[in-house]
Amino acid sequence: MPGIQQFDTTMRLLQKVLDLRSKNQEVIGSNIANAETPGYTAQSFGFEDQLQSALADNGLRPVATQPGHIPLAPPNLDQVNGTVTATRDTAGIGDRNTVDVDQEMIKLSENEILYEAAVTMLNKKMAMLKYTANGGA
């Protein structure tokens, strides 16, 4: 039953996206909360490339041929966890706080919109499942 499997895959993807967006929200919130903390290093959370690699199933996945090889891409959706990176202080002046509140607010808004979009899609999938379970009524 490929239709059910595809439905399940989509729901698993949406669940993973919601989890990753929540983690991104935490990182952004932490940056905003520490905007006035001297020496605080802003962080960013990225997961889009990992997620795209896990979803790309074109048969050309990199393979580790030796036990010591570093995995180049997550082989499946469950292994996508994202990465947190620190923003370096390039100005060299002031209190060495790297938080740009304006940029963080933009990231916050974008993340919120994308989170809400994923919630909407998940709700649509659940409504389709409910419709099907009720025999189309």
Protein backbone atom coordinates (compact mmCIF):
# COMPACT_ATOMS: atom_id res chain seq x y z
CA MET A 1 0.00 0.00 0.00
CA PRO A 2 2.20 2.86 -1.21
CA GLY A 3 -0.47 5.48 -0.49
CA ILE A 4 -0.50 4.74 3.23
CA GLN A 5 3.29 4.56 3.37
CA GLN A 6 3.55 7.94 1.62
CA PHE A 7 0.98 9.37 4.02
CA ASP A 8 2.99 8.09 6.98
CA THR A 9 6.23 9.44 5.53
CA THR A 10 4.70 12.88 5.12
CA MET A 11 3.43 12.87 8.68
CA ARG A 12 6.83 11.75 10.00
CA LEU A 13 8.49 14.51 7.99
CA LEU A 14 6.11 17.14 9.36
CA GLN A 15 6.65 15.89 12.90
CA LYS A 16 10.43 16.11 12.43
CA VAL A 17 10.14 19.62 10.98
CA LEU A 18 8.06 20.73 13.97
CA ASP A 19 10.64 19.30 16.37
CA LEU A 20 13.49 21.03 14.54
CA ARG A 21 11.61 24.33 14.31
CA SER A 22 10.97 24.17 18.08
CA LYS A 23 14.67 23.67 18.71
CA ASN A 24 15.41 26.62 16.40
CA GLN A 25 12.93 28.72 18.38
CA GLU A 26 14.82 27.89 21.59
CA VAL A 27 18.15 28.97 20.10
CA ILE A 28 16.69 32.23 18.76
CA GLY A 29 14.94 32.91 22.08
CA SER A 30 18.19 32.34 23.94
CA ASN A 31 19.95 34.84 21.68
CA ILE A 32 17.28 37.48 22.22
CA ALA A 33 17.28 36.88 25.99
CA ASN A 34 21.04 37.40 26.09
CA ALA A 35 21.17 40.44 23.80
CA GLU A 36 22.49 42.60 26.65
CA THR A 37 24.82 40.01 28.18
CA PRO A 38 28.46 41.08 27.78
CA GLY A 39 30.54 38.47 25.97
CA TYR A 40 27.55 36.37 24.89
CA THR A 41 28.12 34.59 21.59
CA ALA A 42 25.00 34.34 19.45
CA GLN A 43 24.19 30.92 18.07
CA SER A 44 22.31 29.76 15.02
CA PHE A 45 20.62 26.43 14.39
CA GLY A 46 20.63 24.89 10.95
CA PHE A 47 18.96 21.71 9.81
CA GLU A 48 17.65 22.36 6.31
CA ASP A 49 20.64 20.86 4.48
CA GLN A 50 20.58 17.71 6.61
CA LEU A 51 16.85 17.35 6.09
CA GLN A 52 17.18 17.78 2.35
CA SER A 53 19.99 15.21 2.23
CA ALA A 54 17.91 12.70 4.18
CA LEU A 55 14.97 13.18 1.82
CA ALA A 56 16.99 12.98 -1.39
CA ASP A 57 16.66 9.39 -2.46
CA ASN A 58 18.21 9.33 -5.89
CA GLY A 59 20.37 6.26 -5.30
CA LEU A 60 23.58 8.31 -5.20
CA ARG A 61 24.15 8.37 -1.46
CA PRO A 62 27.73 8.64 -0.24
CA VAL A 63 28.99 5.42 1.32
CA ALA A 64 31.56 5.06 4.09
CA THR A 65 33.91 2.32 2.88
CA GLN A 66 36.07 2.30 6.02
CA PRO A 67 34.95 2.25 9.67
CA GLY A 68 36.72 5.55 10.37
CA HIS A 69 34.98 7.52 7.63
CA ILE A 70 32.86 10.48 8.65
CA PRO A 71 29.23 10.11 7.49
CA LEU A 72 28.56 12.66 4.74
CA ALA A 73 24.78 12.74 4.96
CA PRO A 74 22.19 11.36 7.37
CA PRO A 75 20.85 8.13 5.85
CA ASN A 76 17.34 8.68 7.17
CA LEU A 77 14.99 11.22 8.67
CA ASP A 78 15.47 10.03 12.25
CA GLN A 79 19.15 11.00 12.19
CA VAL A 80 18.54 14.64 11.28
CA ASN A 81 19.30 16.65 14.41
CA GLY A 82 20.61 19.95 13.08
CA THR A 83 23.73 21.78 14.14
CA VAL A 84 24.27 24.76 16.40
CA THR A 85 26.98 27.18 15.30
CA ALA A 86 28.38 30.21 17.10
CA THR A 87 28.54 33.66 15.51
CA ARG A 88 32.02 35.12 15.76
CA ASP A 89 32.62 38.70 16.83
CA THR A 90 33.93 40.42 13.71
CA ALA A 91 33.58 44.01 14.94
CA GLY A 92 36.15 43.73 17.70
CA ILE A 93 34.59 46.60 19.64
CA GLY A 94 32.23 46.87 22.54
CA ASP A 95 31.28 44.12 24.94
CA ARG A 96 31.89 41.22 22.48
CA ASN A 97 28.21 40.35 22.37
CA THR A 98 27.40 39.07 18.87
CA VAL A 99 23.60 39.25 19.06
CA ASP A 100 21.95 41.45 16.43
CA VAL A 101 18.44 41.84 17.82
CA ASP A 102 16.98 42.99 14.49
CA GLN A 103 18.33 39.90 12.71
CA GLU A 104 17.15 37.63 15.52
CA MET A 105 13.63 39.09 15.31
CA ILE A 106 13.59 38.41 11.56
CA LYS A 107 14.73 34.82 12.20
CA LEU A 108 12.07 34.49 14.89
CA SER A 109 9.31 35.66 12.55
CA GLU A 110 10.47 33.43 9.71
CA ASN A 111 10.72 30.41 11.98
CA GLU A 112 7.25 31.08 13.39
CA ILE A 113 5.71 31.32 9.90
CA LEU A 114 7.36 28.08 8.80
CA TYR A 115 6.31 26.34 12.03
CA GLU A 116 2.70 27.43 11.52
CA ALA A 117 2.83 26.24 7.90
CA ALA A 118 3.97 22.79 9.05
CA VAL A 119 1.20 22.69 11.69
CA THR A 120 -1.36 23.61 9.02
CA MET A 121 -0.12 20.85 6.71
CA LEU A 122 -0.18 18.31 9.55
CA ASN A 123 -3.75 19.36 10.42
CA LYS A 124 -4.75 18.87 6.77
CA LYS A 125 -3.22 15.39 6.77
CA MET A 126 -5.09 14.52 9.97
CA ALA A 127 -8.34 15.83 8.49
CA MET A 128 -7.80 13.63 5.42
CA LEU A 129 -7.20 10.62 7.67
CA LYS A 130 -10.34 11.37 9.66
CA TYR A 131 -12.36 11.79 6.46
CA THR A 132 -11.09 8.45 5.17
CA ALA A 133 -11.71 6.68 8.48
CA ASN A 134 -15.31 7.94 8.45
CA GLY A 135 -15.88 6.44 5.01
CA GLY A 136 -15.79 9.74 3.16
CA ALA A 137 -18.51 11.37 5.19
